[in-house]
Amino acid sequence: MSEENAVRAVRVQIFGEDHVLRGQASEEYMENLASIVDRRLQEVQKNNPLLPRHRVAILVAINLANELEKLSAEHADLLTLLEEAN
C-alpha cells in the first residue's frame, strides 16, 4: 500500500470524549476536522446550556448538513456558469 493510501489512526478529543479516527487523510487533516466539530459542539452547548448532549450533537449535525447543501448548490451553480461560458 502506498504512503498516500495508507490508513492512519489519530486520537482526538471531541466534546470531552476521546475518539480514534481512521482514514487515508493526513493526521493533521483529521485533527482539524475533529477540532471543527468540537468547536461547533462547544458553541452550541454554550448558547444552549440546558440542552442534552445528544440534542447538541443533532443541532450541530443539522447545521453542518445545511452548510454542505448550500455549498453543493453553489458548486453546481458555478459549474453551470462555467459550462455556459464555454
PDB file of N, CA and C in Angstrom:
ATOM      1  N   MET A   1       0.857  -1.175   0.000  1.00  0.00           N
ATOM      2  CA  MET A   1       0.000   0.000   0.000  1.00  0.00           C
ATOM      3  C   MET A   1       0.901   1.235   0.000  1.00  0.00           C
ATOM      4  N   SER A   2       0.595   2.187  -0.873  1.00  0.00           N
ATOM      5  CA  SER A   2       1.413   3.397  -0.941  1.00  0.00           C
ATOM      6  C   SER A   2       1.171   4.278   0.277  1.00  0.00           C
ATOM      7  N   GLU A   3       2.110   5.168   0.512  1.00  0.00           N
ATOM      8  CA  GLU A   3       2.041   6.062   1.685  1.00  0.00           C
ATOM      9  C   GLU A   3       0.760   6.888   1.687  1.00  0.00           C
ATOM     10  N   GLU A   4       0.353   7.394   0.512  1.00  0.00           N
ATOM     11  CA  GLU A   4      -0.829   8.257   0.479  1.00  0.00           C
ATOM     12  C   GLU A   4      -2.125   7.477   0.666  1.00  0.00           C
ATOM     13  N   ASN A   5      -2.129   6.178   0.392  1.00  0.00           N
ATOM     14  CA  ASN A   5      -3.324   5.358   0.587  1.00  0.00           C
ATOM     15  C   ASN A   5      -3.330   4.623   1.919  1.00  0.00           C
ATOM     16  N   ALA A   6      -2.297   4.809   2.709  1.00  0.00           N
ATOM     17  CA  ALA A   6      -2.213   4.117   3.995  1.00  0.00           C
ATOM     18  C   ALA A   6      -3.300   4.627   4.938  1.00  0.00           C
ATOM     19  N   VAL A   7      -3.878   3.712   5.676  1.00  0.00           N
ATOM     20  CA  VAL A   7      -4.875   4.092   6.677  1.00  0.00           C
ATOM     21  C   VAL A   7      -4.135   4.530   7.928  1.00  0.00           C
ATOM     22  N   ARG A   8      -4.466   5.720   8.366  1.00  0.00           N
ATOM     23  CA  ARG A   8      -3.852   6.283   9.566  1.00  0.00           C
ATOM     24  C   ARG A   8      -4.891   6.327  10.677  1.00  0.00           C
ATOM     25  N   ALA A   9      -4.393   6.286  11.903  1.00  0.00           N
ATOM     26  CA  ALA A   9      -5.274   6.426  13.064  1.00  0.00           C
ATOM     27  C   ALA A   9      -4.758   7.582  13.892  1.00  0.00           C
ATOM     28  N   VAL A  10      -5.671   8.411  14.349  1.00  0.00           N
ATOM     29  CA  VAL A  10      -5.292   9.544  15.179  1.00  0.00           C
ATOM     30  C   VAL A  10      -6.288   9.647  16.333  1.00  0.00           C
ATOM     31  N   ARG A  11      -5.766   9.858  17.509  1.00  0.00           N
ATOM     32  CA  ARG A  11      -6.603  10.005  18.707  1.00  0.00           C
ATOM     33  C   ARG A  11      -6.934  11.487  18.869  1.00  0.00           C
ATOM     34  N   VAL A  12      -8.224  11.766  18.997  1.00  0.00           N
ATOM     35  CA  VAL A  12      -8.693  13.145  19.149  1.00  0.00           C
ATOM     36  C   VAL A  12      -9.662  13.217  20.314  1.00  0.00           C
ATOM     37  N   GLN A  13      -9.915  14.429  20.752  1.00  0.00           N
ATOM     38  CA  GLN A  13     -10.921  14.641  21.790  1.00  0.00           C
ATOM     39  C   GLN A  13     -12.010  15.535  21.206  1.00  0.00           C
ATOM     40  N   ILE A  14     -13.233  15.037  21.275  1.00  0.00           N
ATOM     41  CA  ILE A  14     -14.384  15.774  20.769  1.00  0.00           C
ATOM     42  C   ILE A  14     -15.430  15.828  21.863  1.00  0.00           C
ATOM     43  N   PHE A  15     -15.777  17.032  22.270  1.00  0.00           N
ATOM     44  CA  PHE A  15     -16.826  17.250  23.269  1.00  0.00           C
ATOM     45  C   PHE A  15     -16.505  16.515  24.562  1.00  0.00           C
ATOM     46  N   GLY A  16     -15.212  16.527  24.907  1.00  0.00           N
ATOM     47  CA  GLY A  16     -14.765  15.927  26.153  1.00  0.00           C
ATOM     48  C   GLY A  16     -14.586  14.423  26.129  1.00  0.00           C
ATOM     49  N   GLU A  17     -14.735  13.818  24.965  1.00  0.00           N
ATOM     50  CA  GLU A  17     -14.587  12.371  24.848  1.00  0.00           C
ATOM     51  C   GLU A  17     -13.448  12.043  23.891  1.00  0.00           C
ATOM     52  N   ASP A  18     -12.701  10.975  24.222  1.00  0.00           N
ATOM     53  CA  ASP A  18     -11.628  10.514  23.341  1.00  0.00           C
ATOM     54  C   ASP A  18     -12.209   9.660  22.231  1.00  0.00           C
ATOM     55  N   HIS A  19     -11.697   9.878  21.025  1.00  0.00           N
ATOM     56  CA  HIS A  19     -12.109   9.108  19.848  1.00  0.00           C
ATOM     57  C   HIS A  19     -10.880   8.790  19.021  1.00  0.00           C
ATOM     58  N   VAL A  20     -10.934   7.685  18.309  1.00  0.00           N
ATOM     59  CA  VAL A  20      -9.878   7.351  17.367  1.00  0.00           C
ATOM     60  C   VAL A  20     -10.477   7.457  15.980  1.00  0.00           C
ATOM     61  N   LEU A  21      -9.901   8.337  15.171  1.00  0.00           N
ATOM     62  CA  LEU A  21     -10.328   8.487  13.783  1.00  0.00           C
ATOM     63  C   LEU A  21      -9.376   7.685  12.904  1.00  0.00           C
ATOM     64  N   ARG A  22      -9.925   6.993  11.936  1.00  0.00           N
ATOM     65  CA  ARG A  22      -9.108   6.239  10.994  1.00  0.00           C
ATOM     66  C   ARG A  22      -9.481   6.675   9.583  1.00  0.00           C
ATOM     67  N   GLY A  23      -8.471   6.860   8.765  1.00  0.00           N
ATOM     68  CA  GLY A  23      -8.737   7.240   7.389  1.00  0.00           C
ATOM     69  C   GLY A  23      -7.455   7.397   6.606  1.00  0.00           C
ATOM     70  N   GLN A  24      -7.608   7.688   5.342  1.00  0.00           N
ATOM     71  CA  GLN A  24      -6.454   7.852   4.470  1.00  0.00           C
ATOM     72  C   GLN A  24      -5.953   9.286   4.442  1.00  0.00           C
ATOM     73  N   ALA A  25      -6.670  10.176   5.078  1.00  0.00           N
ATOM     74  CA  ALA A  25      -6.247  11.581   5.144  1.00  0.00           C
ATOM     75  C   ALA A  25      -5.077  11.706   6.116  1.00  0.00           C
ATOM     76  N   SER A  26      -4.404  12.847   6.040  1.00  0.00           N
ATOM     77  CA  SER A  26      -3.287  13.086   6.954  1.00  0.00           C
ATOM     78  C   SER A  26      -3.797  13.228   8.386  1.00  0.00           C
ATOM     79  N   GLU A  27      -2.918  12.988   9.338  1.00  0.00           N
ATOM     80  CA  GLU A  27      -3.284  13.156  10.743  1.00  0.00           C
ATOM     81  C   GLU A  27      -3.722  14.592  11.001  1.00  0.00           C
ATOM     82  N   GLU A  28      -3.027  15.548  10.405  1.00  0.00           N
ATOM     83  CA  GLU A  28      -3.362  16.959  10.598  1.00  0.00           C
ATOM     84  C   GLU A  28      -4.770  17.261  10.103  1.00  0.00           C
ATOM     85  N   TYR A  29      -5.127  16.684   8.971  1.00  0.00           N
ATOM     86  CA  TYR A  29      -6.454  16.911   8.406  1.00  0.00           C
ATOM     87  C   TYR A  29      -7.529  16.350   9.336  1.00  0.00           C
ATOM     88  N   MET A  30      -7.329  15.114   9.816  1.00  0.00           N
ATOM     89  CA  MET A  30      -8.307  14.503  10.711  1.00  0.00           C
ATOM     90  C   MET A  30      -8.398  15.264  12.026  1.00  0.00           C
ATOM     91  N   GLU A  31      -7.271  15.731  12.529  1.00  0.00           N
ATOM     92  CA  GLU A  31      -7.282  16.543  13.758  1.00  0.00           C
ATOM     93  C   GLU A  31      -8.040  17.846  13.536  1.00  0.00           C
ATOM     94  N   ASN A  32      -7.862  18.439  12.355  1.00  0.00           N
ATOM     95  CA  ASN A  32      -8.579  19.678  12.041  1.00  0.00           C
ATOM     96  C   ASN A  32     -10.080  19.432  11.980  1.00  0.00           C
ATOM     97  N   LEU A  33     -10.504  18.338  11.365  1.00  0.00           N
ATOM     98  CA  LEU A  33     -11.933  18.016  11.321  1.00  0.00           C
ATOM     99  C   LEU A  33     -12.493  17.850  12.725  1.00  0.00           C
ATOM    100  N   ALA A  34     -11.776  17.129  13.566  1.00  0.00           N
ATOM    101  CA  ALA A  34     -12.210  16.920  14.947  1.00  0.00           C
ATOM    102  C   ALA A  34     -12.313  18.251  15.679  1.00  0.00           C
ATOM    103  N   SER A  35     -11.371  19.135  15.425  1.00  0.00           N
ATOM    104  CA  SER A  35     -11.374  20.450  16.058  1.00  0.00           C
ATOM    105  C   SER A  35     -12.588  21.265  15.628  1.00  0.00           C
ATOM    106  N   ILE A  36     -12.928  21.198  14.360  1.00  0.00           N
ATOM    107  CA  ILE A  36     -14.097  21.917  13.847  1.00  0.00           C
ATOM    108  C   ILE A  36     -15.365  21.407  14.528  1.00  0.00           C
ATOM    109  N   VAL A  37     -15.515  20.093  14.589  1.00  0.00           N
ATOM    110  CA  VAL A  37     -16.698  19.502  15.207  1.00  0.00           C
ATOM    111  C   VAL A  37     -16.750  19.859  16.693  1.00  0.00           C
ATOM    112  N   ASP A  38     -15.625  19.737  17.378  1.00  0.00           N
ATOM    113  CA  ASP A  38     -15.579  20.056  18.797  1.00  0.00           C
ATOM    114  C   ASP A  38     -15.952  21.514  19.041  1.00  0.00           C
ATOM    115  N   ARG A  39     -15.399  22.406  18.242  1.00  0.00           N
ATOM    116  CA  ARG A  39     -15.681  23.839  18.392  1.00  0.00           C
ATOM    117  C   ARG A  39     -17.171  24.114  18.193  1.00  0.00           C
ATOM    118  N   ARG A  40     -17.770  23.469  17.195  1.00  0.00           N
ATOM    119  CA  ARG A  40     -19.193  23.678  16.933  1.00  0.00           C
ATOM    120  C   ARG A  40     -20.052  23.143  18.079  1.00  0.00           C
ATOM    121  N   LEU A  41     -19.689  21.968  18.593  1.00  0.00           N
ATOM    122  CA  LEU A  41     -20.419  21.397  19.717  1.00  0.00           C
ATOM    123  C   LEU A  41     -20.329  22.303  20.945  1.00  0.00           C
ATOM    124  N   GLN A  42     -19.128  22.788  21.231  1.00  0.00           N
ATOM    125  CA  GLN A  42     -18.931  23.677  22.383  1.00  0.00           C
ATOM    126  C   GLN A  42     -19.745  24.961  22.224  1.00  0.00           C
ATOM    127  N   GLU A  43     -19.769  25.487  21.005  1.00  0.00           N
ATOM    128  CA  GLU A  43     -20.504  26.730  20.743  1.00  0.00           C
ATOM    129  C   GLU A  43     -22.006  26.552  20.960  1.00  0.00           C
ATOM    130  N   VAL A  44     -22.555  25.464  20.429  1.00  0.00           N
ATOM    131  CA  VAL A  44     -23.992  25.219  20.587  1.00  0.00           C
ATOM    132  C   VAL A  44     -24.321  24.977  22.058  1.00  0.00           C
ATOM    133  N   GLN A  45     -23.489  24.213  22.743  1.00  0.00           N
ATOM    134  CA  GLN A  45     -23.740  23.965  24.160  1.00  0.00           C
ATOM    135  C   GLN A  45     -23.661  25.255  24.978  1.00  0.00           C
ATOM    136  N   LYS A  46     -22.714  26.123  24.646  1.00  0.00           N
ATOM    137  CA  LYS A  46     -22.572  27.395  25.360  1.00  0.00           C
ATOM    138  C   LYS A  46     -23.830  28.241  25.196  1.00  0.00           C
ATOM    139  N   ASN A  47     -24.392  28.244  23.990  1.00  0.00           N
ATOM    140  CA  ASN A  47     -25.593  29.034  23.721  1.00  0.00           C
ATOM    141  C   ASN A  47     -26.876  28.371  24.227  1.00  0.00           C
ATOM    142  N   ASN A  48     -26.800  27.074  24.520  1.00  0.00           N
ATOM    143  CA  ASN A  48     -27.964  26.313  24.985  1.00  0.00           C
ATOM    144  C   ASN A  48     -27.541  25.388  26.124  1.00  0.00           C
ATOM    145  N   PRO A  49     -27.178  25.940  27.273  1.00  0.00           N
ATOM    146  CA  PRO A  49     -26.567  25.129  28.340  1.00  0.00           C
ATOM    147  C   PRO A  49     -27.460  24.039  28.923  1.00  0.00           C
ATOM    148  N   LEU A  50     -28.763  24.130  28.770  1.00  0.00           N
ATOM    149  CA  LEU A  50     -29.658  23.119  29.322  1.00  0.00           C
ATOM    150  C   LEU A  50     -29.987  22.010  28.330  1.00  0.00           C
ATOM    151  N   LEU A  51     -29.513  22.144  27.113  1.00  0.00           N
ATOM    152  CA  LEU A  51     -29.793  21.155  26.076  1.00  0.00           C
ATOM    153  C   LEU A  51     -28.979  19.886  26.327  1.00  0.00           C
ATOM    154  N   PRO A  52     -29.618  18.714  26.277  1.00  0.00           N
ATOM    155  CA  PRO A  52     -28.873  17.464  26.450  1.00  0.00           C
ATOM    156  C   PRO A  52     -27.820  17.291  25.344  1.00  0.00           C
ATOM    157  N   ARG A  53     -26.761  16.568  25.679  1.00  0.00           N
ATOM    158  CA  ARG A  53     -25.636  16.393  24.746  1.00  0.00           C
ATOM    159  C   ARG A  53     -26.076  15.832  23.394  1.00  0.00           C
ATOM    160  N   HIS A  54     -26.986  14.871  23.396  1.00  0.00           N
ATOM    161  CA  HIS A  54     -27.394  14.283  22.117  1.00  0.00           C
ATOM    162  C   HIS A  54     -28.140  15.300  21.252  1.00  0.00           C
ATOM    163  N   ARG A  55     -28.876  16.207  21.876  1.00  0.00           N
ATOM    164  CA  ARG A  55     -29.562  17.248  21.096  1.00  0.00           C
ATOM    165  C   ARG A  55     -28.576  18.283  20.564  1.00  0.00           C
ATOM    166  N   VAL A  56     -27.531  18.560  21.347  1.00  0.00           N
ATOM    167  CA  VAL A  56     -26.460  19.441  20.866  1.00  0.00           C
ATOM    168  C   VAL A  56     -25.837  18.824  19.614  1.00  0.00           C
ATOM    169  N   ALA A  57     -25.550  17.529  19.672  1.00  0.00           N
ATOM    170  CA  ALA A  57     -24.946  16.836  18.536  1.00  0.00           C
ATOM    171  C   ALA A  57     -25.866  16.869  17.312  1.00  0.00           C
ATOM    172  N   ILE A  58     -27.170  16.692  17.534  1.00  0.00           N
ATOM    173  CA  ILE A  58     -28.118  16.724  16.416  1.00  0.00           C
ATOM    174  C   ILE A  58     -28.171  18.118  15.798  1.00  0.00           C
ATOM    175  N   LEU A  59     -28.196  19.160  16.617  1.00  0.00           N
ATOM    176  CA  LEU A  59     -28.209  20.529  16.087  1.00  0.00           C
ATOM    177  C   LEU A  59     -26.950  20.815  15.259  1.00  0.00           C
ATOM    178  N   VAL A  60     -25.802  20.378  15.756  1.00  0.00           N
ATOM    179  CA  VAL A  60     -24.556  20.590  15.020  1.00  0.00           C
ATOM    180  C   VAL A  60     -24.604  19.823  13.701  1.00  0.00           C
ATOM    181  N   ALA A  61     -25.086  18.592  13.737  1.00  0.00           N
ATOM    182  CA  ALA A  61     -25.185  17.800  12.507  1.00  0.00           C
ATOM    183  C   ALA A  61     -26.107  18.477  11.487  1.00  0.00           C
ATOM    184  N   ILE A  62     -27.245  19.006  11.942  1.00  0.00           N
ATOM    185  CA  ILE A  62     -28.176  19.704  11.045  1.00  0.00           C
ATOM    186  C   ILE A  62     -27.516  20.954  10.467  1.00  0.00           C
ATOM    187  N   ASN A  63     -26.816  21.714  11.318  1.00  0.00           N
ATOM    188  CA  ASN A  63     -26.136  22.922  10.842  1.00  0.00           C
ATOM    189  C   ASN A  63     -25.069  22.589   9.803  1.00  0.00           C
ATOM    190  N   LEU A  64     -24.284  21.545  10.053  1.00  0.00           N
ATOM    191  CA  LEU A  64     -23.245  21.151   9.094  1.00  0.00           C
ATOM    192  C   LEU A  64     -23.861  20.642   7.793  1.00  0.00           C
ATOM    193  N   ALA A  65     -24.959  19.882   7.895  1.00  0.00           N
ATOM    194  CA  ALA A  65     -25.643  19.402   6.691  1.00  0.00           C
ATOM    195  C   ALA A  65     -26.195  20.571   5.883  1.00  0.00           C
ATOM    196  N   ASN A  66     -26.724  21.575   6.565  1.00  0.00           N
ATOM    197  CA  ASN A  66     -27.225  22.773   5.895  1.00  0.00           C
ATOM    198  C   ASN A  66     -26.099  23.480   5.139  1.00  0.00           C
ATOM    199  N   GLU A  67     -24.951  23.642   5.802  1.00  0.00           N
ATOM    200  CA  GLU A  67     -23.809  24.280   5.137  1.00  0.00           C
ATOM    201  C   GLU A  67     -23.363  23.476   3.923  1.00  0.00           C
ATOM    202  N   LEU A  68     -23.338  22.153   4.053  1.00  0.00           N
ATOM    203  CA  LEU A  68     -22.943  21.294   2.938  1.00  0.00           C
ATOM    204  C   LEU A  68     -23.896  21.444   1.761  1.00  0.00           C
ATOM    205  N   GLU A  69     -25.195  21.462   2.045  1.00  0.00           N
ATOM    206  CA  GLU A  69     -26.185  21.614   0.974  1.00  0.00           C
ATOM    207  C   GLU A  69     -26.036  22.956   0.262  1.00  0.00           C
ATOM    208  N   LYS A  70     -25.816  24.020   1.026  1.00  0.00           N
ATOM    209  CA  LYS A  70     -25.630  25.340   0.417  1.00  0.00           C
ATOM    210  C   LYS A  70     -24.386  25.360  -0.454  1.00  0.00           C
ATOM    211  N   LEU A  71     -23.298  24.788   0.032  1.00  0.00           N
ATOM    212  CA  LEU A  71     -22.059  24.749  -0.749  1.00  0.00           C
ATOM    213  C   LEU A  71     -22.205  23.875  -1.990  1.00  0.00           C
ATOM    214  N   SER A  72     -22.944  22.783  -1.874  1.00  0.00           N
ATOM    215  CA  SER A  72     -23.189  21.920  -3.036  1.00  0.00           C
ATOM    216  C   SER A  72     -23.981  22.662  -4.105  1.00  0.00           C
ATOM    217  N   ALA A  73     -24.970  23.427  -3.676  1.00  0.00           N
ATOM    218  CA  ALA A  73     -25.768  24.208  -4.624  1.00  0.00           C
ATOM    219  C   ALA A  73     -24.911  25.283  -5.282  1.00  0.00           C
ATOM    220  N   GLU A  74     -24.070  25.953  -4.489  1.00  0.00           N
ATOM    221  CA  GLU A  74     -23.157  26.959  -5.053  1.00  0.00           C
ATOM    222  C   GLU A  74     -22.209  26.322  -6.062  1.00  0.00           C
ATOM    223  N   HIS A  75     -21.709  25.161  -5.737  1.00  0.00           N
ATOM    224  CA  HIS A  75     -20.790  24.446  -6.633  1.00  0.00           C
ATOM    225  C   HIS A  75     -21.490  24.112  -7.953  1.00  0.00           C
ATOM    226  N   ALA A  76     -22.719  23.609  -7.864  1.00  0.00           N
ATOM    227  CA  ALA A  76     -23.480  23.281  -9.062  1.00  0.00           C
ATOM    228  C   ALA A  76     -23.731  24.530  -9.908  1.00  0.00           C
ATOM    229  N   ASP A  77     -24.061  25.637  -9.248  1.00  0.00           N
ATOM    230  CA  ASP A  77     -24.279  26.894  -9.970  1.00  0.00           C
ATOM    231  C   ASP A  77     -23.008  27.348 -10.674  1.00  0.00           C
ATOM    232  N   LEU A  78     -21.875  27.235  -9.991  1.00  0.00           N
ATOM    233  CA  LEU A  78     -20.595  27.641 -10.601  1.00  0.00           C
ATOM    234  C   LEU A  78     -20.242  26.755 -11.784  1.00  0.00           C
ATOM    235  N   LEU A  79     -20.502  25.444 -11.671  1.00  0.00           N
ATOM    236  CA  LEU A  79     -20.246  24.544 -12.796  1.00  0.00           C
ATOM    237  C   LEU A  79     -21.132  24.901 -13.994  1.00  0.00           C
ATOM    238  N   THR A  80     -22.378  25.252 -13.712  1.00  0.00           N
ATOM    239  CA  THR A  80     -23.288  25.659 -14.785  1.00  0.00           C
ATOM    240  C   THR A  80     -22.780  26.925 -15.476  1.00  0.00           C
ATOM    241  N   LEU A  81     -22.314  27.897 -14.693  1.00  0.00           N
ATOM    242  CA  LEU A  81     -21.787  29.129 -15.261  1.00  0.00           C
ATOM    243  C   LEU A  81     -20.556  28.851 -16.116  1.00  0.00           C
ATOM    244  N   LEU A  82     -19.690  27.968 -15.644  1.00  0.00           N
ATOM    245  CA  LEU A  82     -18.503  27.614 -16.419  1.00  0.00           C
ATOM    246  C   LEU A  82     -18.866  26.934 -17.740  1.00  0.00           C
ATOM    247  N   GLU A  83     -19.838  26.045 -17.691  1.00  0.00           N
ATOM    248  CA  GLU A  83     -20.278  25.352 -18.912  1.00  0.00           C
ATOM    249  C   GLU A  83     -20.889  26.342 -19.900  1.00  0.00           C
ATOM    250  N   GLU A  84     -21.660  27.300 -19.383  1.00  0.00           N
ATOM    251  CA  GLU A  84     -22.284  28.298 -20.239  1.00  0.00           C
ATOM    252  C   GLU A  84     -21.233  29.235 -20.863  1.00  0.00           C
ATOM    253  N   ALA A  85     -20.160  29.486 -20.115  1.00  0.00           N
ATOM    254  CA  ALA A  85     -19.101  30.377 -20.609  1.00  0.00           C
ATOM    255  C   ALA A  85     -18.296  29.724 -21.733  1.00  0.00           C
ATOM    256  N   ASN A  86     -18.305  28.417 -21.762  1.00  0.00           N
ATOM    257  CA  ASN A  86     -17.554  27.701 -22.824  1.00  0.00           C
ATOM    258  C   ASN A  86     -18.458  27.479 -23.962  1.00  0.00           C
TER     259      ASN A  86
END
